[in-house]
């Protein structure tokens, strides 16, 4: 369920913002939602870490690395430490 958020801005800023949004074919509400979502995504560490793991996993997969390969490397590293 969505909810309303009330913000206060100068009339000039509101007018310019509305014109730019309209030029992009978007409503002010849509642009504000996009900005808020981007803001959260850029600053939310959990999202950043999830994205990082996804990129690492994709890179490993593209290089042919499997779960078995990783387990083997871990076993070898642990054996080498002893």
PDB file of N, CA and C in Angstrom:
ATOM      1  N   UNK A   1       0.839  -1.170   0.000  1.00  0.00           N
ATOM      2  CA  UNK A   1       0.000   0.000   0.000  1.00  0.00           C
ATOM      3  C   UNK A   1       0.893   1.245   0.000  1.00  0.00           C
ATOM      4  N   UNK A   2       0.566   2.219  -0.823  1.00  0.00           N
ATOM      5  CA  UNK A   2       1.356   3.448  -0.854  1.00  0.00           C
ATOM      6  C   UNK A   2       0.762   4.477   0.091  1.00  0.00           C
ATOM      7  N   UNK A   3       1.594   5.431   0.439  1.00  0.00           N
ATOM      8  CA  UNK A   3       1.177   6.478   1.352  1.00  0.00           C
ATOM      9  C   UNK A   3       1.683   7.813   0.834  1.00  0.00           C
ATOM     10  N   UNK A   4       1.120   8.875   1.320  1.00  0.00           N
ATOM     11  CA  UNK A   4       1.522  10.203   0.871  1.00  0.00           C
ATOM     12  C   UNK A   4       2.668  10.741   1.708  1.00  0.00           C
ATOM     13  N   UNK A   5       3.482  11.582   1.038  1.00  0.00           N
ATOM     14  CA  UNK A   5       4.544  12.287   1.722  1.00  0.00           C
ATOM     15  C   UNK A   5       4.399  13.756   1.318  1.00  0.00           C
ATOM     16  N   UNK A   6       4.426  14.614   2.280  1.00  0.00           N
ATOM     17  CA  UNK A   6       4.277  16.037   1.981  1.00  0.00           C
ATOM     18  C   UNK A   6       5.631  16.704   2.166  1.00  0.00           C
ATOM     19  N   UNK A   7       6.049  17.444   1.127  1.00  0.00           N
ATOM     20  CA  UNK A   7       7.303  18.204   1.213  1.00  0.00           C
ATOM     21  C   UNK A   7       7.022  19.652   0.854  1.00  0.00           C
ATOM     22  N   UNK A   8       7.875  20.528   1.289  1.00  0.00           N
ATOM     23  CA  UNK A   8       7.723  21.938   0.965  1.00  0.00           C
ATOM     24  C   UNK A   8       8.929  22.375   0.136  1.00  0.00           C
ATOM     25  N   UNK A   9       8.638  23.033  -0.994  1.00  0.00           N
ATOM     26  CA  UNK A   9       9.683  23.593  -1.849  1.00  0.00           C
ATOM     27  C   UNK A   9       9.234  24.973  -2.317  1.00  0.00           C
ATOM     28  N   UNK A  10      10.194  25.767  -2.736  1.00  0.00           N
ATOM     29  CA  UNK A  10       9.875  27.086  -3.280  1.00  0.00           C
ATOM     30  C   UNK A  10       9.046  26.934  -4.544  1.00  0.00           C
ATOM     31  N   UNK A  11       8.214  27.924  -4.805  1.00  0.00           N
ATOM     32  CA  UNK A  11       7.358  27.908  -6.000  1.00  0.00           C
ATOM     33  C   UNK A  11       8.177  27.775  -7.277  1.00  0.00           C
ATOM     34  N   UNK A  12       9.301  28.475  -7.343  1.00  0.00           N
ATOM     35  CA  UNK A  12      10.148  28.432  -8.536  1.00  0.00           C
ATOM     36  C   UNK A  12      10.705  27.019  -8.775  1.00  0.00           C
ATOM     37  N   UNK A  13      11.151  26.384  -7.713  1.00  0.00           N
ATOM     38  CA  UNK A  13      11.676  25.016  -7.827  1.00  0.00           C
ATOM     39  C   UNK A  13      10.569  24.067  -8.263  1.00  0.00           C
ATOM     40  N   UNK A  14       9.405  24.212  -7.656  1.00  0.00           N
ATOM     41  CA  UNK A  14       8.276  23.347  -8.016  1.00  0.00           C
ATOM     42  C   UNK A  14       7.924  23.501  -9.486  1.00  0.00           C
ATOM     43  N   UNK A  15       7.891  24.716  -9.963  1.00  0.00           N
ATOM     44  CA  UNK A  15       7.542  24.988 -11.356  1.00  0.00           C
ATOM     45  C   UNK A  15       8.572  24.394 -12.316  1.00  0.00           C
ATOM     46  N   UNK A  16       9.847  24.630 -12.042  1.00  0.00           N
ATOM     47  CA  UNK A  16      10.911  24.088 -12.892  1.00  0.00           C
ATOM     48  C   UNK A  16      10.894  22.559 -12.883  1.00  0.00           C
ATOM     49  N   UNK A  17      10.707  21.998 -11.701  1.00  0.00           N
ATOM     50  CA  UNK A  17      10.682  20.543 -11.567  1.00  0.00           C
ATOM     51  C   UNK A  17       9.535  19.947 -12.380  1.00  0.00           C
ATOM     52  N   UNK A  18       8.375  20.554 -12.279  1.00  0.00           N
ATOM     53  CA  UNK A  18       7.200  20.068 -13.015  1.00  0.00           C
ATOM     54  C   UNK A  18       7.421  20.159 -14.519  1.00  0.00           C
ATOM     55  N   UNK A  19       8.048  21.237 -14.981  1.00  0.00           N
ATOM     56  CA  UNK A  19       8.321  21.392 -16.413  1.00  0.00           C
ATOM     57  C   UNK A  19       9.293  20.320 -16.913  1.00  0.00           C
ATOM     58  N   UNK A  20      10.327  20.064 -16.135  1.00  0.00           N
ATOM     59  CA  UNK A  20      11.307  19.047 -16.528  1.00  0.00           C
ATOM     60  C   UNK A  20      10.665  17.665 -16.547  1.00  0.00           C
ATOM     61  N   UNK A  21       9.888  17.340 -15.525  1.00  0.00           N
ATOM     62  CA  UNK A  21       9.205  16.044 -15.472  1.00  0.00           C
ATOM     63  C   UNK A  21       8.284  15.885 -16.671  1.00  0.00           C
ATOM     64  N   UNK A  22       7.533  16.933 -16.980  1.00  0.00           N
ATOM     65  CA  UNK A  22       6.602  16.894 -18.115  1.00  0.00           C
ATOM     66  C   UNK A  22       7.364  16.697 -19.420  1.00  0.00           C
ATOM     67  N   UNK A  23       8.512  17.366 -19.567  1.00  0.00           N
ATOM     68  CA  UNK A  23       9.323  17.230 -20.777  1.00  0.00           C
ATOM     69  C   UNK A  23       9.814  15.794 -20.952  1.00  0.00           C
ATOM     70  N   UNK A  24       9.987  15.090 -19.842  1.00  0.00           N
ATOM     71  CA  UNK A  24      10.404  13.681 -19.881  1.00  0.00           C
ATOM     72  C   UNK A  24       9.216  12.740 -20.025  1.00  0.00           C
ATOM     73  N   UNK A  25       8.014  13.316 -20.056  1.00  0.00           N
ATOM     74  CA  UNK A  25       6.813  12.495 -20.186  1.00  0.00           C
ATOM     75  C   UNK A  25       6.431  11.787 -18.903  1.00  0.00           C
ATOM     76  N   UNK A  26       6.837  12.368 -17.776  1.00  0.00           N
ATOM     77  CA  UNK A  26       6.559  11.760 -16.478  1.00  0.00           C
ATOM     78  C   UNK A  26       5.812  12.741 -15.594  1.00  0.00           C
ATOM     79  N   UNK A  27       5.105  12.200 -14.627  1.00  0.00           N
ATOM     80  CA  UNK A  27       4.469  13.063 -13.637  1.00  0.00           C
ATOM     81  C   UNK A  27       5.493  13.406 -12.557  1.00  0.00           C
ATOM     82  N   UNK A  28       5.207  14.461 -11.820  1.00  0.00           N
ATOM     83  CA  UNK A  28       6.078  14.850 -10.713  1.00  0.00           C
ATOM     84  C   UNK A  28       6.185  13.702  -9.712  1.00  0.00           C
ATOM     85  N   UNK A  29       5.075  13.044  -9.438  1.00  0.00           N
ATOM     86  CA  UNK A  29       5.079  11.937  -8.474  1.00  0.00           C
ATOM     87  C   UNK A  29       5.992  10.796  -8.917  1.00  0.00           C
ATOM     88  N   UNK A  30       5.952  10.480 -10.195  1.00  0.00           N
ATOM     89  CA  UNK A  30       6.798   9.398 -10.709  1.00  0.00           C
ATOM     90  C   UNK A  30       8.271   9.756 -10.544  1.00  0.00           C
ATOM     91  N   UNK A  31       8.626  10.985 -10.903  1.00  0.00           N
ATOM     92  CA  UNK A  31      10.025  11.410 -10.791  1.00  0.00           C
ATOM     93  C   UNK A  31      10.473  11.401  -9.334  1.00  0.00           C
ATOM     94  N   UNK A  32       9.633  11.886  -8.440  1.00  0.00           N
ATOM     95  CA  UNK A  32       9.972  11.889  -7.009  1.00  0.00           C
ATOM     96  C   UNK A  32      10.185  10.462  -6.516  1.00  0.00           C
ATOM     97  N   UNK A  33       9.289   9.546  -6.897  1.00  0.00           N
ATOM     98  CA  UNK A  33       9.452   8.143  -6.479  1.00  0.00           C
ATOM     99  C   UNK A  33      10.759   7.570  -6.995  1.00  0.00           C
ATOM    100  N   UNK A  34      11.095   7.862  -8.260  1.00  0.00           N
ATOM    101  CA  UNK A  34      12.360   7.382  -8.821  1.00  0.00           C
ATOM    102  C   UNK A  34      13.557   7.941  -8.058  1.00  0.00           C
ATOM    103  N   UNK A  35      13.494   9.227  -7.746  1.00  0.00           N
ATOM    104  CA  UNK A  35      14.589   9.849  -7.002  1.00  0.00           C
ATOM    105  C   UNK A  35      14.756   9.228  -5.615  1.00  0.00           C
ATOM    106  N   UNK A  36      13.643   8.989  -4.949  1.00  0.00           N
ATOM    107  CA  UNK A  36      13.699   8.377  -3.617  1.00  0.00           C
ATOM    108  C   UNK A  36      14.252   6.958  -3.704  1.00  0.00           C
ATOM    109  N   UNK A  37      13.789   6.191  -4.688  1.00  0.00           N
ATOM    110  CA  UNK A  37      14.292   4.821  -4.860  1.00  0.00           C
ATOM    111  C   UNK A  37      15.792   4.820  -5.145  1.00  0.00           C
ATOM    112  N   UNK A  38      16.251   5.730  -6.011  1.00  0.00           N
ATOM    113  CA  UNK A  38      17.682   5.839  -6.302  1.00  0.00           C
ATOM    114  C   UNK A  38      18.473   6.227  -5.058  1.00  0.00           C
ATOM    115  N   UNK A  39      17.941   7.166  -4.302  1.00  0.00           N
ATOM    116  CA  UNK A  39      18.595   7.617  -3.074  1.00  0.00           C
ATOM    117  C   UNK A  39      18.794   6.452  -2.102  1.00  0.00           C
ATOM    118  N   UNK A  40      17.732   5.687  -1.918  1.00  0.00           N
ATOM    119  CA  UNK A  40      17.807   4.538  -1.012  1.00  0.00           C
ATOM    120  C   UNK A  40      18.790   3.506  -1.533  1.00  0.00           C
ATOM    121  N   UNK A  41      18.710   3.214  -2.819  1.00  0.00           N
ATOM    122  CA  UNK A  41      19.588   2.196  -3.402  1.00  0.00           C
ATOM    123  C   UNK A  41      21.060   2.584  -3.262  1.00  0.00           C
ATOM    124  N   UNK A  42      21.371   3.855  -3.437  1.00  0.00           N
ATOM    125  CA  UNK A  42      22.754   4.315  -3.335  1.00  0.00           C
ATOM    126  C   UNK A  42      23.282   4.279  -1.909  1.00  0.00           C
ATOM    127  N   UNK A  43      22.395   4.349  -0.936  1.00  0.00           N
ATOM    128  CA  UNK A  43      22.841   4.465   0.452  1.00  0.00           C
ATOM    129  C   UNK A  43      22.525   3.255   1.323  1.00  0.00           C
ATOM    130  N   UNK A  44      21.761   2.329   0.800  1.00  0.00           N
ATOM    131  CA  UNK A  44      21.361   1.157   1.578  1.00  0.00           C
ATOM    132  C   UNK A  44      22.436   0.074   1.446  1.00  0.00           C
ATOM    133  N   UNK A  45      23.193  -0.154   2.505  1.00  0.00           N
ATOM    134  CA  UNK A  45      24.317  -1.086   2.478  1.00  0.00           C
ATOM    135  C   UNK A  45      23.868  -2.508   2.140  1.00  0.00           C
ATOM    136  N   UNK A  46      22.692  -2.897   2.609  1.00  0.00           N
ATOM    137  CA  UNK A  46      22.196  -4.247   2.322  1.00  0.00           C
ATOM    138  C   UNK A  46      22.007  -4.445   0.825  1.00  0.00           C
ATOM    139  N   UNK A  47      21.411  -3.461   0.173  1.00  0.00           N
ATOM    140  CA  UNK A  47      21.213  -3.548  -1.275  1.00  0.00           C
ATOM    141  C   UNK A  47      22.558  -3.567  -1.985  1.00  0.00           C
ATOM    142  N   UNK A  48      23.490  -2.748  -1.519  1.00  0.00           N
ATOM    143  CA  UNK A  48      24.822  -2.699  -2.122  1.00  0.00           C
ATOM    144  C   UNK A  48      25.515  -4.058  -2.022  1.00  0.00           C
ATOM    145  N   UNK A  49      25.452  -4.661  -0.846  1.00  0.00           N
ATOM    146  CA  UNK A  49      26.104  -5.956  -0.645  1.00  0.00           C
ATOM    147  C   UNK A  49      25.432  -7.040  -1.484  1.00  0.00           C
ATOM    148  N   UNK A  50      24.106  -7.041  -1.534  1.00  0.00           N
ATOM    149  CA  UNK A  50      23.394  -8.014  -2.370  1.00  0.00           C
ATOM    150  C   UNK A  50      23.796  -7.872  -3.827  1.00  0.00           C
ATOM    151  N   UNK A  51      23.890  -6.636  -4.296  1.00  0.00           N
ATOM    152  CA  UNK A  51      24.302  -6.385  -5.679  1.00  0.00           C
ATOM    153  C   UNK A  51      25.740  -6.845  -5.907  1.00  0.00           C
ATOM    154  N   UNK A  52      26.605  -6.590  -4.937  1.00  0.00           N
ATOM    155  CA  UNK A  52      28.002  -7.012  -5.037  1.00  0.00           C
ATOM    156  C   UNK A  52      28.110  -8.529  -5.143  1.00  0.00           C
ATOM    157  N   UNK A  53      27.384  -9.241  -4.284  1.00  0.00           N
ATOM    158  CA  UNK A  53      27.405 -10.705  -4.340  1.00  0.00           C
ATOM    159  C   UNK A  53      26.863 -11.220  -5.670  1.00  0.00           C
ATOM    160  N   UNK A  54      25.832 -10.563  -6.174  1.00  0.00           N
ATOM    161  CA  UNK A  54      25.266 -10.968  -7.463  1.00  0.00           C
ATOM    162  C   UNK A  54      26.294 -10.792  -8.581  1.00  0.00           C
ATOM    163  N   UNK A  55      27.018  -9.675  -8.554  1.00  0.00           N
ATOM    164  CA  UNK A  55      28.045  -9.435  -9.586  1.00  0.00           C
ATOM    165  C   UNK A  55      29.200 -10.416  -9.456  1.00  0.00           C
ATOM    166  N   UNK A  56      29.616 -10.701  -8.219  1.00  0.00           N
ATOM    167  CA  UNK A  56      30.699 -11.668  -7.998  1.00  0.00           C
ATOM    168  C   UNK A  56      30.270 -13.043  -8.491  1.00  0.00           C
ATOM    169  N   UNK A  57      29.045 -13.441  -8.129  1.00  0.00           N
ATOM    170  CA  UNK A  57      28.538 -14.736  -8.566  1.00  0.00           C
ATOM    171  C   UNK A  57      28.457 -14.849 -10.072  1.00  0.00           C
ATOM    172  N   UNK A  58      28.009 -13.785 -10.713  1.00  0.00           N
ATOM    173  CA  UNK A  58      27.908 -13.774 -12.177  1.00  0.00           C
ATOM    174  C   UNK A  58      29.288 -13.902 -12.814  1.00  0.00           C
ATOM    175  N   UNK A  59      30.258 -13.180 -12.258  1.00  0.00           N
ATOM    176  CA  UNK A  59      31.631 -13.230 -12.785  1.00  0.00           C
ATOM    177  C   UNK A  59      32.229 -14.625 -12.607  1.00  0.00           C
ATOM    178  N   UNK A  60      32.031 -15.207 -11.429  1.00  0.00           N
ATOM    179  CA  UNK A  60      32.545 -16.559 -11.187  1.00  0.00           C
ATOM    180  C   UNK A  60      31.908 -17.557 -12.143  1.00  0.00           C
ATOM    181  N   UNK A  61      30.597 -17.456 -12.304  1.00  0.00           N
ATOM    182  CA  UNK A  61      29.880 -18.368 -13.188  1.00  0.00           C
ATOM    183  C   UNK A  61      30.366 -18.234 -14.628  1.00  0.00           C
ATOM    184  N   UNK A  62      30.586 -16.988 -15.073  1.00  0.00           N
ATOM    185  CA  UNK A  62      31.055 -16.785 -16.448  1.00  0.00           C
ATOM    186  C   UNK A  62      32.462 -17.329 -16.657  1.00  0.00           C
ATOM    187  N   UNK A  63      33.222 -17.459 -15.566  1.00  0.00           N
ATOM    188  CA  UNK A  63      34.573 -18.028 -15.645  1.00  0.00           C
ATOM    189  C   UNK A  63      34.581 -19.532 -15.387  1.00  0.00           C
ATOM    190  N   UNK A  64      33.401 -20.126 -15.295  1.00  0.00           N
ATOM    191  CA  UNK A  64      33.297 -21.574 -15.125  1.00  0.00           C
ATOM    192  C   UNK A  64      33.505 -22.074 -13.711  1.00  0.00           C
ATOM    193  N   UNK A  65      33.490 -21.186 -12.747  1.00  0.00           N
ATOM    194  CA  UNK A  65      33.675 -21.583 -11.352  1.00  0.00           C
ATOM    195  C   UNK A  65      32.350 -22.109 -10.819  1.00  0.00           C
ATOM    196  N   UNK A  66      32.400 -23.275 -10.182  1.00  0.00           N
ATOM    197  CA  UNK A  66      31.204 -23.891  -9.611  1.00  0.00           C
ATOM    198  C   UNK A  66      31.348 -23.990  -8.094  1.00  0.00           C
ATOM    199  N   UNK A  67      30.277 -24.399  -7.437  1.00  0.00           N
ATOM    200  CA  UNK A  67      30.331 -24.592  -5.982  1.00  0.00           C
ATOM    201  C   UNK A  67      31.377 -25.647  -5.640  1.00  0.00           C
ATOM    202  N   UNK A  68      31.463 -26.666  -6.458  1.00  0.00           N
ATOM    203  CA  UNK A  68      32.473 -27.717  -6.240  1.00  0.00           C
ATOM    204  C   UNK A  68      33.884 -27.177  -6.350  1.00  0.00           C
ATOM    205  N   UNK A  69      34.115 -26.304  -7.298  1.00  0.00           N
ATOM    206  CA  UNK A  69      35.431 -25.689  -7.478  1.00  0.00           C
ATOM    207  C   UNK A  69      35.809 -24.883  -6.243  1.00  0.00           C
ATOM    208  N   UNK A  70      34.851 -24.152  -5.716  1.00  0.00           N
ATOM    209  CA  UNK A  70      35.096 -23.324  -4.531  1.00  0.00           C
ATOM    210  C   UNK A  70      35.390 -24.207  -3.323  1.00  0.00           C
ATOM    211  N   UNK A  71      34.598 -25.264  -3.150  1.00  0.00           N
ATOM    212  CA  UNK A  71      34.830 -26.184  -2.025  1.00  0.00           C
ATOM    213  C   UNK A  71      36.214 -26.814  -2.111  1.00  0.00           C
ATOM    214  N   UNK A  72      36.609 -27.192  -3.314  1.00  0.00           N
ATOM    215  CA  UNK A  72      37.933 -27.790  -3.516  1.00  0.00           C
ATOM    216  C   UNK A  72      39.023 -26.787  -3.150  1.00  0.00           C
ATOM    217  N   UNK A  73      38.880 -25.538  -3.569  1.00  0.00           N
ATOM    218  CA  UNK A  73      39.867 -24.508  -3.255  1.00  0.00           C
ATOM    219  C   UNK A  73      39.946 -24.266  -1.751  1.00  0.00           C
ATOM    220  N   UNK A  74      38.807 -24.294  -1.066  1.00  0.00           N
ATOM    221  CA  UNK A  74      38.794 -24.121   0.387  1.00  0.00           C
ATOM    222  C   UNK A  74      39.534 -25.269   1.074  1.00  0.00           C
ATOM    223  N   UNK A  75      39.236 -26.498   0.646  1.00  0.00           N
ATOM    224  CA  UNK A  75      39.918 -27.667   1.231  1.00  0.00           C
ATOM    225  C   UNK A  75      41.426 -27.576   1.016  1.00  0.00           C
ATOM    226  N   UNK A  76      41.836 -27.215  -0.194  1.00  0.00           N
ATOM    227  CA  UNK A  76      43.262 -27.095  -0.489  1.00  0.00           C
ATOM    228  C   UNK A  76      43.923 -26.010   0.347  1.00  0.00           C
ATOM    229  N   UNK A  77      43.249 -24.878   0.514  1.00  0.00           N
ATOM    230  CA  UNK A  77      43.800 -23.788   1.305  1.00  0.00           C
ATOM    231  C   UNK A  77      43.933 -24.201   2.770  1.00  0.00           C
ATOM    232  N   UNK A  78      42.934 -24.899   3.295  1.00  0.00           N
ATOM    233  CA  UNK A  78      42.981 -25.346   4.683  1.00  0.00           C
ATOM    234  C   UNK A  78      44.067 -26.387   4.887  1.00  0.00           C
ATOM    235  N   UNK A  79      44.241 -27.256   3.928  1.00  0.00           N
ATOM    236  CA  UNK A  79      45.278 -28.289   4.006  1.00  0.00           C
ATOM    237  C   UNK A  79      46.661 -27.636   3.949  1.00  0.00           C
ATOM    238  N   UNK A  80      46.824 -26.638   3.135  1.00  0.00           N
ATOM    239  CA  UNK A  80      48.110 -25.950   2.987  1.00  0.00           C
ATOM    240  C   UNK A  80      48.489 -25.205   4.257  1.00  0.00           C
ATOM    241  N   UNK A  81      47.500 -24.752   5.023  1.00  0.00           N
ATOM    242  CA  UNK A  81      47.774 -24.027   6.280  1.00  0.00           C
ATOM    243  C   UNK A  81      48.361 -24.926   7.359  1.00  0.00           C
ATOM    244  N   UNK A  82      48.009 -26.199   7.304  1.00  0.00           N
ATOM    245  CA  UNK A  82      48.406 -27.129   8.387  1.00  0.00           C
ATOM    246  C   UNK A  82      49.829 -27.493   8.320  1.00  0.00           C
TER     247      UNK A  82
END
